[in-house]
Amino acid sequence: MTDEEPAPKKAPEPSGVDLARVALRAAKEQARARGDAAQQKKQARRGGLRSGARADGRDPMALGAAINRLITERGWETPAAVGGVMGRWPQIVGEDVAKHCEPEKYDEDERVLVVRCDSTAWATNLRLLAPTLVARLNEDLGHGAVKMIKVKGPGGPARRYGPLRAPGSTGPGDTYG
């Protein structure tokens, strides 16, 4: 070694006080672990866990927090969010469109929102607006929540049965094939 290079410093050996502190800390941790195990056995004999002074998962909670926890545990985030969209439909699509079109159902597996319109003109208009609405819904709900909007026009007129209806007939379609 040369005079210019300092000698490598070694970590100081733990003294008796430091060793005693380390041993005390280890003994406390072991005692705590034994005490926790004994406490659990004791509670199991008494008929299960009991609520204590500390907060745990069995304590009462606010209704909103309980509902949010249930939705998360069951994996209902997307259906719940879509249900919220159905409630806010006028704010999402605008008052004009909401007067003539309303969401009917959401298929979670296919990720399709079914919307019924009150006229064929509005159904055609909504079909043209569908890509924009899908983008807006996915922005609100999260990417990929809605893949497609299926637009349905107004239903056909109700079948009216006249006085010349044959008993047991199912309507005009029963005579053709």
C-alpha atoms as a PDB file:
ATOM      1  CA  MET A   1       0.000   0.000   0.000  1.00  0.00           C
ATOM      2  CA  THR A   2       1.031   3.520  -0.680  1.00  0.00           C
ATOM      3  CA  ASP A   3       0.737   6.414   1.659  1.00  0.00           C
ATOM      4  CA  GLU A   4      -1.858   8.112  -0.551  1.00  0.00           C
ATOM      5  CA  GLU A   5      -4.453   5.319  -0.423  1.00  0.00           C
ATOM      6  CA  PRO A   6      -6.519   5.145   2.747  1.00  0.00           C
ATOM      7  CA  ALA A   7      -6.885   1.784   4.388  1.00  0.00           C
ATOM      8  CA  PRO A   8     -10.325   0.179   3.755  1.00  0.00           C
ATOM      9  CA  LYS A   9     -12.625   0.795   6.704  1.00  0.00           C
ATOM     10  CA  LYS A  10     -14.197  -2.225   8.300  1.00  0.00           C
ATOM     11  CA  ALA A  11     -17.636  -2.124   9.824  1.00  0.00           C
ATOM     12  CA  PRO A  12     -17.273  -1.875  13.567  1.00  0.00           C
ATOM     13  CA  GLU A  13     -17.978  -5.078  15.420  1.00  0.00           C
ATOM     14  CA  PRO A  14     -21.288  -4.893  17.343  1.00  0.00           C
ATOM     15  CA  SER A  15     -20.637  -4.256  20.976  1.00  0.00           C
ATOM     16  CA  GLY A  16     -22.354  -5.983  23.853  1.00  0.00           C
ATOM     17  CA  VAL A  17     -25.090  -3.324  24.078  1.00  0.00           C
ATOM     18  CA  ASP A  18     -25.906  -3.620  20.347  1.00  0.00           C
ATOM     19  CA  LEU A  19     -26.037  -7.417  20.571  1.00  0.00           C
ATOM     20  CA  ALA A  20     -28.362  -7.166  23.563  1.00  0.00           C
ATOM     21  CA  ARG A  21     -30.708  -4.833  21.647  1.00  0.00           C
ATOM     22  CA  VAL A  22     -30.860  -7.210  18.660  1.00  0.00           C
ATOM     23  CA  ALA A  23     -31.533 -10.188  20.931  1.00  0.00           C
ATOM     24  CA  LEU A  24     -34.241  -8.284  22.824  1.00  0.00           C
ATOM     25  CA  ARG A  25     -35.979  -7.259  19.575  1.00  0.00           C
ATOM     26  CA  ALA A  26     -35.950 -10.875  18.306  1.00  0.00           C
ATOM     27  CA  ALA A  27     -37.312 -12.168  21.623  1.00  0.00           C
ATOM     28  CA  LYS A  28     -40.145  -9.604  21.566  1.00  0.00           C
ATOM     29  CA  GLU A  29     -41.125 -10.585  17.997  1.00  0.00           C
ATOM     30  CA  GLN A  30     -41.169 -14.279  18.919  1.00  0.00           C
ATOM     31  CA  ALA A  31     -43.245 -13.610  22.033  1.00  0.00           C
ATOM     32  CA  ARG A  32     -45.701 -11.520  20.003  1.00  0.00           C
ATOM     33  CA  ALA A  33     -46.053 -14.318  17.422  1.00  0.00           C
ATOM     34  CA  ARG A  34     -46.654 -16.905  20.179  1.00  0.00           C
ATOM     35  CA  GLY A  35     -49.178 -14.600  21.838  1.00  0.00           C
ATOM     36  CA  ASP A  36     -51.073 -14.040  18.560  1.00  0.00           C
ATOM     37  CA  ALA A  37     -51.245 -17.788  17.921  1.00  0.00           C
ATOM     38  CA  ALA A  38     -52.461 -18.462  21.481  1.00  0.00           C
ATOM     39  CA  GLN A  39     -55.062 -15.675  21.198  1.00  0.00           C
ATOM     40  CA  GLN A  40     -56.421 -17.141  17.933  1.00  0.00           C
ATOM     41  CA  LYS A  41     -56.702 -20.616  19.503  1.00  0.00           C
ATOM     42  CA  LYS A  42     -58.462 -19.154  22.514  1.00  0.00           C
ATOM     43  CA  GLN A  43     -60.947 -17.233  20.333  1.00  0.00           C
ATOM     44  CA  ALA A  44     -61.607 -20.322  18.204  1.00  0.00           C
ATOM     45  CA  ARG A  45     -62.538 -22.277  21.362  1.00  0.00           C
ATOM     46  CA  ARG A  46     -64.924 -19.511  22.445  1.00  0.00           C
ATOM     47  CA  GLY A  47     -66.869 -19.718  19.179  1.00  0.00           C
ATOM     48  CA  GLY A  48     -65.053 -17.531  16.688  1.00  0.00           C
ATOM     49  CA  LEU A  49     -63.507 -14.132  16.475  1.00  0.00           C
ATOM     50  CA  ARG A  50     -64.988 -11.263  18.372  1.00  0.00           C
ATOM     51  CA  SER A  51     -64.843  -7.596  17.582  1.00  0.00           C
ATOM     52  CA  GLY A  52     -62.405  -5.685  19.713  1.00  0.00           C
ATOM     53  CA  ALA A  53     -61.173  -2.179  20.205  1.00  0.00           C
ATOM     54  CA  ARG A  54     -59.412  -2.056  16.840  1.00  0.00           C
ATOM     55  CA  ALA A  55     -61.164  -1.610  13.494  1.00  0.00           C
ATOM     56  CA  ASP A  56     -61.533  -4.709  11.341  1.00  0.00           C
ATOM     57  CA  GLY A  57     -63.665  -5.970   8.438  1.00  0.00           C
ATOM     58  CA  ARG A  58     -66.607  -6.877  10.681  1.00  0.00           C
ATOM     59  CA  ASP A  59     -67.262  -3.378  11.966  1.00  0.00           C
ATOM     60  CA  PRO A  60     -70.350  -1.454  10.812  1.00  0.00           C
ATOM     61  CA  MET A  61     -69.845   0.783   7.803  1.00  0.00           C
ATOM     62  CA  ALA A  62     -71.752   3.438   5.910  1.00  0.00           C
ATOM     63  CA  LEU A  63     -74.316   2.235   3.365  1.00  0.00           C
ATOM     64  CA  GLY A  64     -72.485   3.768   0.408  1.00  0.00           C
ATOM     65  CA  ALA A  65     -69.219   2.120   1.428  1.00  0.00           C
ATOM     66  CA  ALA A  66     -70.983  -1.224   1.907  1.00  0.00           C
ATOM     67  CA  ILE A  67     -72.563  -1.017  -1.554  1.00  0.00           C
ATOM     68  CA  ASN A  68     -69.246  -0.055  -3.171  1.00  0.00           C
ATOM     69  CA  ARG A  69     -67.549  -2.966  -1.420  1.00  0.00           C
ATOM     70  CA  LEU A  70     -70.271  -5.375  -2.595  1.00  0.00           C
ATOM     71  CA  ILE A  71     -70.030  -4.123  -6.187  1.00  0.00           C
ATOM     72  CA  THR A  72     -66.254  -4.564  -6.153  1.00  0.00           C
ATOM     73  CA  GLU A  73     -66.337  -8.019  -4.540  1.00  0.00           C
ATOM     74  CA  ARG A  74     -68.933  -9.331  -6.991  1.00  0.00           C
ATOM     75  CA  GLY A  75     -67.342  -7.756 -10.082  1.00  0.00           C
ATOM     76  CA  TRP A  76     -70.375  -5.625 -10.894  1.00  0.00           C
ATOM     77  CA  GLU A  77     -68.448  -2.460 -11.748  1.00  0.00           C
ATOM     78  CA  THR A  78     -69.373  -2.373 -15.455  1.00  0.00           C
ATOM     79  CA  PRO A  79     -73.091  -3.226 -15.068  1.00  0.00           C
ATOM     80  CA  ALA A  80     -73.407  -0.688 -12.261  1.00  0.00           C
ATOM     81  CA  ALA A  81     -71.669   1.965 -14.360  1.00  0.00           C
ATOM     82  CA  VAL A  82     -73.927   1.208 -17.343  1.00  0.00           C
ATOM     83  CA  GLY A  83     -76.947   1.473 -15.058  1.00  0.00           C
ATOM     84  CA  GLY A  84     -75.696   4.921 -14.095  1.00  0.00           C
ATOM     85  CA  VAL A  85     -75.423   5.798 -17.772  1.00  0.00           C
ATOM     86  CA  MET A  86     -79.033   4.762 -18.312  1.00  0.00           C
ATOM     87  CA  GLY A  87     -80.020   7.148 -15.538  1.00  0.00           C
ATOM     88  CA  ARG A  88     -77.945   9.974 -17.068  1.00  0.00           C
ATOM     89  CA  TRP A  89     -78.975   9.252 -20.670  1.00  0.00           C
ATOM     90  CA  PRO A  90     -80.257  12.808 -21.370  1.00  0.00           C
ATOM     91  CA  GLN A  91     -76.945  14.363 -20.229  1.00  0.00           C
ATOM     92  CA  ILE A  92     -74.915  11.958 -22.351  1.00  0.00           C
ATOM     93  CA  VAL A  93     -76.824  12.103 -25.653  1.00  0.00           C
ATOM     94  CA  GLY A  94     -78.561  15.446 -25.278  1.00  0.00           C
ATOM     95  CA  GLU A  95     -82.139  16.362 -24.482  1.00  0.00           C
ATOM     96  CA  ASP A  96     -83.293  16.239 -28.113  1.00  0.00           C
ATOM     97  CA  VAL A  97     -82.135  12.675 -28.733  1.00  0.00           C
ATOM     98  CA  ALA A  98     -83.242  11.496 -25.283  1.00  0.00           C
ATOM     99  CA  LYS A  99     -86.825  12.552 -26.026  1.00  0.00           C
ATOM    100  CA  HIS A 100     -86.967  10.081 -28.916  1.00  0.00           C
ATOM    101  CA  CYS A 101     -84.537   7.303 -27.940  1.00  0.00           C
ATOM    102  CA  GLU A 102     -84.053   5.453 -24.684  1.00  0.00           C
ATOM    103  CA  PRO A 103     -81.658   2.680 -23.632  1.00  0.00           C
ATOM    104  CA  GLU A 104     -83.430  -0.637 -23.214  1.00  0.00           C
ATOM    105  CA  LYS A 105     -80.809  -3.108 -21.984  1.00  0.00           C
ATOM    106  CA  TYR A 106     -77.089  -3.843 -21.809  1.00  0.00           C
ATOM    107  CA  ASP A 107     -75.611  -7.231 -22.674  1.00  0.00           C
ATOM    108  CA  GLU A 108     -72.503  -7.572 -20.511  1.00  0.00           C
ATOM    109  CA  ASP A 109     -71.058 -10.569 -22.364  1.00  0.00           C
ATOM    110  CA  GLU A 110     -71.319  -8.983 -25.825  1.00  0.00           C
ATOM    111  CA  ARG A 111     -70.838  -5.431 -24.478  1.00  0.00           C
ATOM    112  CA  VAL A 112     -73.785  -4.212 -26.562  1.00  0.00           C
ATOM    113  CA  LEU A 113     -76.170  -1.443 -25.532  1.00  0.00           C
ATOM    114  CA  VAL A 114     -79.663  -1.810 -27.029  1.00  0.00           C
ATOM    115  CA  VAL A 115     -81.510   1.466 -27.662  1.00  0.00           C
ATOM    116  CA  ARG A 116     -85.145   1.777 -28.807  1.00  0.00           C
ATOM    117  CA  CYS A 117     -86.309   4.802 -30.802  1.00  0.00           C
ATOM    118  CA  ASP A 118     -89.864   6.039 -31.221  1.00  0.00           C
ATOM    119  CA  SER A 119     -89.634   6.462 -35.011  1.00  0.00           C
ATOM    120  CA  THR A 120     -87.634   5.018 -37.886  1.00  0.00           C
ATOM    121  CA  ALA A 121     -86.251   8.473 -38.667  1.00  0.00           C
ATOM    122  CA  TRP A 122     -84.745   8.741 -35.170  1.00  0.00           C
ATOM    123  CA  ALA A 123     -83.480   5.144 -35.397  1.00  0.00           C
ATOM    124  CA  THR A 124     -81.642   6.036 -38.611  1.00  0.00           C
ATOM    125  CA  ASN A 125     -80.280   9.203 -37.028  1.00  0.00           C
ATOM    126  CA  LEU A 126     -79.050   7.272 -33.978  1.00  0.00           C
ATOM    127  CA  ARG A 127     -77.394   4.641 -36.186  1.00  0.00           C
ATOM    128  CA  LEU A 128     -75.383   7.460 -37.768  1.00  0.00           C
ATOM    129  CA  LEU A 129     -74.484   8.834 -34.327  1.00  0.00           C
ATOM    130  CA  ALA A 130     -73.629   5.388 -32.873  1.00  0.00           C
ATOM    131  CA  PRO A 131     -69.796   5.547 -33.294  1.00  0.00           C
ATOM    132  CA  THR A 132     -69.702   8.939 -31.579  1.00  0.00           C
ATOM    133  CA  LEU A 133     -71.933   7.687 -28.762  1.00  0.00           C
ATOM    134  CA  VAL A 134     -69.802   4.543 -28.292  1.00  0.00           C
ATOM    135  CA  ALA A 135     -66.698   6.736 -27.959  1.00  0.00           C
ATOM    136  CA  ARG A 136     -68.470   9.027 -25.465  1.00  0.00           C
ATOM    137  CA  LEU A 137     -69.766   6.071 -23.416  1.00  0.00           C
ATOM    138  CA  ASN A 138     -66.331   4.418 -23.315  1.00  0.00           C
ATOM    139  CA  GLU A 139     -64.810   7.716 -22.232  1.00  0.00           C
ATOM    140  CA  ASP A 140     -67.298   7.818 -19.362  1.00  0.00           C
ATOM    141  CA  LEU A 141     -67.286   4.095 -18.426  1.00  0.00           C
ATOM    142  CA  GLY A 142     -63.777   3.008 -19.312  1.00  0.00           C
ATOM    143  CA  HIS A 143     -62.273   1.699 -22.524  1.00  0.00           C
ATOM    144  CA  GLY A 144     -64.140  -1.233 -24.071  1.00  0.00           C
ATOM    145  CA  ALA A 145     -67.216  -1.115 -21.830  1.00  0.00           C
ATOM    146  CA  VAL A 146     -69.493  -0.669 -24.861  1.00  0.00           C
ATOM    147  CA  LYS A 147     -68.421  -2.124 -28.194  1.00  0.00           C
ATOM    148  CA  MET A 148     -71.596  -1.465 -30.147  1.00  0.00           C
ATOM    149  CA  ILE A 149     -74.967   0.240 -29.924  1.00  0.00           C
ATOM    150  CA  LYS A 150     -77.807  -1.795 -31.382  1.00  0.00           C
ATOM    151  CA  VAL A 151     -80.599   0.530 -32.477  1.00  0.00           C
ATOM    152  CA  LYS A 152     -84.173  -0.717 -32.683  1.00  0.00           C
ATOM    153  CA  GLY A 153     -86.998   1.147 -34.307  1.00  0.00           C
ATOM    154  CA  PRO A 154     -90.544   1.304 -33.039  1.00  0.00           C
ATOM    155  CA  GLY A 155     -92.341  -1.985 -32.601  1.00  0.00           C
ATOM    156  CA  GLY A 156     -95.026  -2.995 -35.058  1.00  0.00           C
ATOM    157  CA  PRO A 157     -98.682  -2.326 -34.339  1.00  0.00           C
ATOM    158  CA  ALA A 158    -100.384  -4.614 -31.874  1.00  0.00           C
ATOM    159  CA  ARG A 159    -102.270  -7.453 -33.497  1.00  0.00           C
ATOM    160  CA  ARG A 160    -105.917  -6.748 -33.421  1.00  0.00           C
ATOM    161  CA  TYR A 161    -108.270  -9.620 -33.637  1.00  0.00           C
ATOM    162  CA  GLY A 162    -111.525  -8.933 -35.430  1.00  0.00           C
ATOM    163  CA  PRO A 163    -114.897 -10.578 -35.051  1.00  0.00           C
ATOM    164  CA  LEU A 164    -114.076 -13.162 -37.747  1.00  0.00           C
ATOM    165  CA  ARG A 165    -111.132 -14.654 -35.887  1.00  0.00           C
ATOM    166  CA  ALA A 166    -111.068 -18.458 -35.842  1.00  0.00           C
ATOM    167  CA  PRO A 167    -110.913 -20.097 -32.377  1.00  0.00           C
ATOM    168  CA  GLY A 168    -107.388 -21.398 -31.624  1.00  0.00           C
ATOM    169  CA  SER A 169    -105.839 -19.223 -34.334  1.00  0.00           C
ATOM    170  CA  THR A 170    -102.509 -17.571 -33.610  1.00  0.00           C
ATOM    171  CA  GLY A 171    -103.097 -14.769 -36.068  1.00  0.00           C
ATOM    172  CA  PRO A 172    -102.538 -14.164 -39.759  1.00  0.00           C
ATOM    173  CA  GLY A 173     -99.279 -16.129 -39.839  1.00  0.00           C
ATOM    174  CA  ASP A 174    -100.841 -19.480 -38.987  1.00  0.00           C
ATOM    175  CA  THR A 175    -102.213 -20.047 -42.511  1.00  0.00           C
ATOM    176  CA  TYR A 176     -98.880 -19.562 -44.288  1.00  0.00           C
ATOM    177  CA  GLY A 177     -96.402 -22.375 -43.804  1.00  0.00           C
END
